[in-house]
Amino acid sequence: MKRNAACSCGQLRVACEGEPVRISICHCLACKRRTGSAFSYSVHYPRAQVTAIEGASSVFTRTGDSGNAAVFHFCPGCGTTVYWEPGGHPDRITLGVGAFADPQFPPPRHSVYEIYKHDWVIMPPDVKHLE
């Protein structure tokens, strides 16, 4: 399976092939600030399955609650964060699921930092709860 992600203006694009190794929701405060939402919904692919990254990106490096630094790549034109390189998993590229603009994208399988989860957020019944 091939999936294509892009920023809002379409300038920064990423192509991925195959199945991801992880689909997750993060409730940490830093992810809430980055997304402007109640949580971050992301997908992790092995670097070898990321077949193309096209367009210019600006970067922002942030140390997360885990203590690992992540390098976020966002479009310098529209500001959309499309992908990031998680410091704890240098063999992966992580993308925001919204960048795929696919309402059929699979649901999350993991949920992390639930200590910060909004009470009104209801998780899928089969999600793994990790801290």
N, C-alpha and C. Protein backbone atom coordinates (compact mmCIF):
# COMPACT_ATOMS: atom_id res chain seq x y z
N MET A 1 0.84 -1.18 0.00
CA MET A 1 0.00 0.00 0.00
C MET A 1 0.89 1.24 0.00
N LYS A 2 0.51 2.22 -0.79
CA LYS A 2 1.23 3.49 -0.84
C LYS A 2 0.33 4.59 -0.31
N ARG A 3 0.88 5.43 0.57
CA ARG A 3 0.14 6.57 1.12
C ARG A 3 0.96 7.83 0.91
N ASN A 4 0.25 8.93 0.64
CA ASN A 4 0.90 10.21 0.41
C ASN A 4 0.39 11.24 1.41
N ALA A 5 1.33 11.94 2.03
CA ALA A 5 1.01 13.00 3.00
C ALA A 5 1.48 14.32 2.42
N ALA A 6 0.81 15.41 2.84
CA ALA A 6 1.20 16.74 2.35
C ALA A 6 0.77 17.79 3.36
N CYS A 7 1.43 18.94 3.26
CA CYS A 7 1.04 20.09 4.08
C CYS A 7 -0.21 20.72 3.49
N SER A 8 -0.72 21.76 4.13
CA SER A 8 -1.94 22.42 3.66
C SER A 8 -1.81 23.01 2.27
N CYS A 9 -0.65 23.58 1.94
CA CYS A 9 -0.49 24.19 0.62
C CYS A 9 0.05 23.21 -0.43
N GLY A 10 0.45 22.00 -0.01
CA GLY A 10 0.92 20.97 -0.94
C GLY A 10 2.39 21.04 -1.31
N GLN A 11 3.12 22.00 -0.77
CA GLN A 11 4.52 22.18 -1.11
C GLN A 11 5.41 21.09 -0.50
N LEU A 12 5.14 20.67 0.74
CA LEU A 12 5.93 19.64 1.43
C LEU A 12 5.14 18.33 1.39
N ARG A 13 5.76 17.29 0.77
CA ARG A 13 5.07 16.03 0.57
C ARG A 13 5.96 14.85 0.99
N VAL A 14 5.29 13.80 1.48
CA VAL A 14 5.99 12.58 1.89
C VAL A 14 5.21 11.39 1.36
N ALA A 15 5.93 10.43 0.76
CA ALA A 15 5.32 9.19 0.28
C ALA A 15 5.82 8.03 1.12
N CYS A 16 4.89 7.15 1.52
CA CYS A 16 5.22 5.98 2.34
C CYS A 16 4.64 4.74 1.68
N GLU A 17 5.34 3.63 1.83
CA GLU A 17 4.85 2.36 1.30
C GLU A 17 4.77 1.33 2.40
N GLY A 18 3.84 0.41 2.26
CA GLY A 18 3.70 -0.68 3.22
C GLY A 18 2.90 -0.25 4.44
N GLU A 19 2.91 -1.12 5.42
CA GLU A 19 2.17 -0.87 6.65
C GLU A 19 3.05 -0.18 7.68
N PRO A 20 2.48 0.71 8.46
CA PRO A 20 3.25 1.39 9.51
C PRO A 20 3.56 0.43 10.66
N VAL A 21 4.55 0.80 11.45
CA VAL A 21 4.90 -0.01 12.62
C VAL A 21 4.11 0.41 13.86
N ARG A 22 3.51 1.62 13.80
CA ARG A 22 2.74 2.08 14.95
C ARG A 22 1.81 3.22 14.53
N ILE A 23 0.61 3.19 15.07
CA ILE A 23 -0.33 4.30 14.92
C ILE A 23 -0.76 4.66 16.34
N SER A 24 -0.55 5.91 16.72
CA SER A 24 -0.78 6.24 18.13
C SER A 24 -1.36 7.63 18.33
N ILE A 25 -1.88 7.80 19.53
CA ILE A 25 -2.36 9.09 20.01
C ILE A 25 -1.49 9.46 21.19
N CYS A 26 -1.03 10.72 21.23
CA CYS A 26 -0.25 11.22 22.35
C CYS A 26 -1.02 12.38 22.99
N HIS A 27 -1.16 12.31 24.31
CA HIS A 27 -1.90 13.32 25.06
C HIS A 27 -0.97 14.28 25.81
N CYS A 28 0.35 14.21 25.56
CA CYS A 28 1.27 15.07 26.31
C CYS A 28 1.01 16.55 26.00
N LEU A 29 1.40 17.39 26.90
CA LEU A 29 1.14 18.82 26.75
C LEU A 29 1.88 19.41 25.56
N ALA A 30 3.09 18.93 25.28
CA ALA A 30 3.85 19.45 24.14
C ALA A 30 3.16 19.11 22.81
N CYS A 31 2.61 17.92 22.69
CA CYS A 31 1.90 17.55 21.46
C CYS A 31 0.62 18.36 21.31
N LYS A 32 -0.06 18.63 22.42
CA LYS A 32 -1.26 19.46 22.36
C LYS A 32 -0.91 20.86 21.85
N ARG A 33 0.19 21.40 22.34
CA ARG A 33 0.61 22.74 21.88
C ARG A 33 1.01 22.71 20.40
N ARG A 34 1.73 21.67 19.99
CA ARG A 34 2.19 21.58 18.60
C ARG A 34 1.02 21.47 17.64
N THR A 35 0.01 20.69 18.00
CA THR A 35 -1.11 20.47 17.09
C THR A 35 -2.23 21.50 17.25
N GLY A 36 -2.29 22.14 18.41
CA GLY A 36 -3.42 23.03 18.69
C GLY A 36 -4.69 22.25 18.92
N SER A 37 -4.55 21.00 19.32
CA SER A 37 -5.71 20.12 19.50
C SER A 37 -5.62 19.39 20.85
N ALA A 38 -6.54 18.49 21.08
CA ALA A 38 -6.61 17.76 22.35
C ALA A 38 -5.59 16.63 22.43
N PHE A 39 -5.03 16.23 21.29
CA PHE A 39 -4.02 15.17 21.25
C PHE A 39 -3.37 15.16 19.87
N SER A 40 -2.29 14.42 19.76
CA SER A 40 -1.61 14.22 18.48
C SER A 40 -1.94 12.81 17.99
N TYR A 41 -2.29 12.68 16.72
CA TYR A 41 -2.62 11.40 16.09
C TYR A 41 -1.53 11.16 15.05
N SER A 42 -0.67 10.19 15.28
CA SER A 42 0.49 10.02 14.40
C SER A 42 0.71 8.58 13.98
N VAL A 43 1.48 8.44 12.92
CA VAL A 43 1.81 7.13 12.36
C VAL A 43 3.32 7.05 12.18
N HIS A 44 3.89 5.90 12.54
CA HIS A 44 5.33 5.67 12.46
C HIS A 44 5.63 4.68 11.34
N TYR A 45 6.53 5.08 10.46
CA TYR A 45 7.00 4.20 9.39
C TYR A 45 8.50 3.97 9.55
N PRO A 46 8.98 2.77 9.21
CA PRO A 46 10.43 2.58 9.11
C PRO A 46 10.97 3.53 8.03
N ARG A 47 12.13 4.09 8.25
CA ARG A 47 12.73 5.00 7.26
C ARG A 47 12.77 4.38 5.87
N ALA A 48 13.04 3.09 5.81
CA ALA A 48 13.15 2.41 4.51
C ALA A 48 11.83 2.43 3.75
N GLN A 49 10.70 2.61 4.43
CA GLN A 49 9.39 2.63 3.78
C GLN A 49 8.96 4.05 3.39
N VAL A 50 9.76 5.05 3.75
CA VAL A 50 9.49 6.42 3.32
C VAL A 50 10.24 6.59 2.00
N THR A 51 9.49 6.57 0.91
CA THR A 51 10.12 6.50 -0.42
C THR A 51 10.44 7.86 -1.02
N ALA A 52 9.81 8.93 -0.50
CA ALA A 52 10.11 10.26 -1.03
C ALA A 52 9.72 11.32 -0.02
N ILE A 53 10.58 12.31 0.11
CA ILE A 53 10.28 13.54 0.84
C ILE A 53 10.61 14.66 -0.13
N GLU A 54 9.60 15.43 -0.51
CA GLU A 54 9.77 16.48 -1.50
C GLU A 54 9.31 17.82 -0.96
N GLY A 55 10.04 18.85 -1.30
CA GLY A 55 9.70 20.20 -0.88
C GLY A 55 10.59 20.68 0.25
N ALA A 56 10.53 21.97 0.48
CA ALA A 56 11.34 22.58 1.53
C ALA A 56 10.65 22.43 2.88
N SER A 57 11.47 22.30 3.92
CA SER A 57 10.92 22.28 5.27
C SER A 57 11.79 23.11 6.19
N SER A 58 11.16 23.69 7.17
CA SER A 58 11.85 24.32 8.28
C SER A 58 11.81 23.31 9.42
N VAL A 59 12.73 23.44 10.37
CA VAL A 59 12.78 22.46 11.45
C VAL A 59 12.69 23.12 12.82
N PHE A 60 12.17 22.35 13.75
CA PHE A 60 12.10 22.74 15.15
C PHE A 60 12.43 21.49 15.96
N THR A 61 13.39 21.59 16.87
CA THR A 61 13.77 20.46 17.71
C THR A 61 13.23 20.68 19.11
N ARG A 62 12.57 19.64 19.63
CA ARG A 62 11.98 19.72 20.96
C ARG A 62 12.31 18.45 21.73
N THR A 63 12.63 18.61 23.00
CA THR A 63 12.81 17.48 23.89
C THR A 63 11.48 17.17 24.54
N GLY A 64 11.02 15.93 24.36
CA GLY A 64 9.72 15.53 24.87
C GLY A 64 9.75 15.09 26.31
N ASP A 65 8.59 14.71 26.82
CA ASP A 65 8.47 14.23 28.19
C ASP A 65 9.32 12.99 28.43
N SER A 66 9.62 12.24 27.38
CA SER A 66 10.43 11.03 27.50
C SER A 66 11.91 11.36 27.70
N GLY A 67 12.31 12.61 27.40
CA GLY A 67 13.71 13.01 27.46
C GLY A 67 14.40 12.91 26.11
N ASN A 68 13.74 12.35 25.11
CA ASN A 68 14.30 12.24 23.77
C ASN A 68 13.94 13.48 22.95
N ALA A 69 14.88 13.90 22.12
CA ALA A 69 14.64 15.05 21.24
C ALA A 69 14.02 14.56 19.94
N ALA A 70 13.08 15.33 19.42
CA ALA A 70 12.48 15.05 18.12
C ALA A 70 12.69 16.27 17.24
N VAL A 71 12.96 16.01 15.96
CA VAL A 71 13.14 17.08 14.98
C VAL A 71 11.88 17.13 14.11
N PHE A 72 11.13 18.23 14.23
CA PHE A 72 9.88 18.41 13.51
C PHE A 72 10.13 19.17 12.22
N HIS A 73 9.57 18.67 11.13
CA HIS A 73 9.69 19.31 9.82
C HIS A 73 8.34 19.89 9.44
N PHE A 74 8.32 21.21 9.23
CA PHE A 74 7.08 21.87 8.87
C PHE A 74 7.29 22.73 7.64
N CYS A 75 6.19 22.99 6.94
CA CYS A 75 6.25 23.77 5.71
C CYS A 75 6.54 25.23 6.05
N PRO A 76 7.56 25.84 5.43
CA PRO A 76 7.86 27.25 5.71
C PRO A 76 6.79 28.20 5.14
N GLY A 77 5.95 27.70 4.25
CA GLY A 77 4.90 28.54 3.68
C GLY A 77 3.62 28.54 4.50
N CYS A 78 3.06 27.35 4.75
CA CYS A 78 1.77 27.27 5.45
C CYS A 78 1.89 26.90 6.92
N GLY A 79 3.06 26.41 7.34
CA GLY A 79 3.29 26.11 8.75
C GLY A 79 2.87 24.73 9.21
N THR A 80 2.34 23.90 8.33
CA THR A 80 1.88 22.57 8.71
C THR A 80 3.06 21.66 9.07
N THR A 81 2.99 21.04 10.25
CA THR A 81 3.97 20.01 10.59
C THR A 81 3.54 18.74 9.88
N VAL A 82 4.39 18.25 8.98
CA VAL A 82 4.06 17.06 8.20
C VAL A 82 4.71 15.82 8.78
N TYR A 83 6.00 15.91 9.15
CA TYR A 83 6.68 14.73 9.66
C TYR A 83 7.72 15.13 10.68
N TRP A 84 8.18 14.13 11.45
CA TRP A 84 9.25 14.37 12.41
C TRP A 84 10.09 13.13 12.57
N GLU A 85 11.27 13.37 13.10
CA GLU A 85 12.24 12.30 13.34
C GLU A 85 12.34 12.12 14.85
N PRO A 86 11.75 11.03 15.37
CA PRO A 86 11.75 10.82 16.82
C PRO A 86 13.12 10.37 17.31
N GLY A 87 13.70 11.10 18.25
CA GLY A 87 15.03 10.80 18.76
C GLY A 87 15.15 9.42 19.37
N GLY A 88 14.08 8.93 19.98
CA GLY A 88 14.11 7.61 20.59
C GLY A 88 14.06 6.47 19.59
N HIS A 89 13.73 6.78 18.34
CA HIS A 89 13.62 5.77 17.27
C HIS A 89 14.21 6.33 15.99
N PRO A 90 15.54 6.40 15.89
CA PRO A 90 16.16 7.00 14.71
C PRO A 90 15.91 6.22 13.42
N ASP A 91 15.39 5.01 13.53
CA ASP A 91 15.08 4.19 12.36
C ASP A 91 13.69 4.47 11.80
N ARG A 92 12.98 5.47 12.38
CA ARG A 92 11.61 5.76 11.97
C ARG A 92 11.43 7.20 11.52
N ILE A 93 10.38 7.39 10.72
CA ILE A 93 9.85 8.72 10.39
C ILE A 93 8.40 8.70 10.88
N THR A 94 8.01 9.74 11.58
CA THR A 94 6.65 9.83 12.11
C THR A 94 5.92 10.95 11.37
N LEU A 95 4.68 10.71 11.06
CA LEU A 95 3.88 11.70 10.33
C LEU A 95 2.57 11.93 11.07
N GLY A 96 2.05 13.14 10.95
CA GLY A 96 0.73 13.43 11.45
C GLY A 96 -0.30 12.78 10.53
N VAL A 97 -1.22 12.02 11.09
CA VAL A 97 -2.21 11.31 10.27
C VAL A 97 -3.04 12.28 9.45
N GLY A 98 -3.32 13.46 9.98
CA GLY A 98 -4.10 14.44 9.23
C GLY A 98 -3.46 14.85 7.92
N ALA A 99 -2.13 14.74 7.81
CA ALA A 99 -1.44 15.11 6.57
C ALA A 99 -1.78 14.16 5.42
N PHE A 100 -2.35 13.00 5.73
CA PHE A 100 -2.76 12.07 4.68
C PHE A 100 -4.14 12.42 4.12
N ALA A 101 -4.91 13.23 4.85
CA ALA A 101 -6.25 13.64 4.42
C ALA A 101 -7.06 12.43 3.95
N ASP A 102 -7.04 11.38 4.74
CA ASP A 102 -7.71 10.12 4.39
C ASP A 102 -8.64 9.72 5.52
N PRO A 103 -9.96 9.90 5.36
CA PRO A 103 -10.88 9.53 6.42
C PRO A 103 -10.94 8.03 6.70
N GLN A 104 -10.35 7.21 5.82
CA GLN A 104 -10.32 5.77 6.02
C GLN A 104 -9.02 5.30 6.68
N PHE A 105 -8.17 6.25 7.11
CA PHE A 105 -6.90 5.86 7.74
C PHE A 105 -7.22 5.01 8.97
N PRO A 106 -6.43 3.97 9.22
CA PRO A 106 -6.71 3.10 10.37
C PRO A 106 -6.70 3.86 11.71
N PRO A 107 -7.46 3.37 12.66
CA PRO A 107 -7.52 4.03 13.97
C PRO A 107 -6.23 3.81 14.77
N PRO A 108 -6.05 4.59 15.82
CA PRO A 108 -4.86 4.40 16.66
C PRO A 108 -4.89 3.05 17.36
N ARG A 109 -3.69 2.52 17.59
CA ARG A 109 -3.54 1.25 18.31
C ARG A 109 -2.93 1.45 19.69
N HIS A 110 -2.34 2.63 19.89
CA HIS A 110 -1.69 2.95 21.16
C HIS A 110 -2.10 4.34 21.61
N SER A 111 -2.14 4.54 22.92
CA SER A 111 -2.42 5.84 23.51
C SER A 111 -1.40 6.07 24.62
N VAL A 112 -0.71 7.21 24.56
CA VAL A 112 0.34 7.50 25.54
C VAL A 112 0.09 8.82 26.26
N TYR A 113 0.70 8.95 27.43
CA TYR A 113 0.59 10.13 28.30
C TYR A 113 -0.87 10.45 28.64
N GLU A 114 -1.61 9.40 28.96
CA GLU A 114 -3.02 9.57 29.29
C GLU A 114 -3.25 10.34 30.58
N ILE A 115 -2.22 10.55 31.37
CA ILE A 115 -2.37 11.38 32.56
C ILE A 115 -2.83 12.79 32.17
N TYR A 116 -2.54 13.20 30.93
CA TYR A 116 -2.93 14.52 30.42
C TYR A 116 -4.16 14.48 29.51
N LYS A 117 -4.78 13.31 29.38
CA LYS A 117 -5.92 13.14 28.48
C LYS A 117 -7.12 13.94 28.99
N HIS A 118 -7.80 14.61 28.07
CA HIS A 118 -9.05 15.29 28.42
C HIS A 118 -10.08 14.24 28.81
N ASP A 119 -10.86 14.51 29.83
CA ASP A 119 -11.85 13.54 30.31
C ASP A 119 -12.88 13.17 29.25
N TRP A 120 -13.17 14.07 28.32
CA TRP A 120 -14.20 13.81 27.31
C TRP A 120 -13.70 12.95 26.15
N VAL A 121 -12.37 12.72 26.06
CA VAL A 121 -11.81 11.90 24.98
C VAL A 121 -12.08 10.43 25.29
N ILE A 122 -12.76 9.76 24.36
CA ILE A 122 -13.07 8.34 24.51
C ILE A 122 -12.21 7.57 23.52
N MET A 123 -11.43 6.65 24.04
CA MET A 123 -10.50 5.89 23.21
C MET A 123 -11.19 4.70 22.56
N PRO A 124 -10.71 4.25 21.38
CA PRO A 124 -11.25 3.03 20.78
C PRO A 124 -11.10 1.86 21.76
N PRO A 125 -12.01 0.91 21.73
CA PRO A 125 -11.99 -0.16 22.74
C PRO A 125 -10.76 -1.05 22.74
N ASP A 126 -10.09 -1.20 21.60
CA ASP A 126 -8.94 -2.11 21.54
C ASP A 126 -7.58 -1.40 21.59
N VAL A 127 -7.57 -0.12 21.92
CA VAL A 127 -6.30 0.62 21.98
C VAL A 127 -5.50 0.17 23.20
N LYS A 128 -4.17 0.11 23.04
CA LYS A 128 -3.28 -0.22 24.16
C LYS A 128 -2.93 1.06 24.89
N HIS A 129 -3.12 1.06 26.19
CA HIS A 129 -2.85 2.24 27.01
C HIS A 129 -1.44 2.12 27.58
N LEU A 130 -0.57 3.04 27.15
CA LEU A 130 0.84 3.01 27.56
C LEU A 130 1.18 4.31 28.28
N GLU A 131 2.09 4.24 29.19
CA GLU A 131 2.58 5.45 29.86
C GLU A 131 4.04 5.64 29.57
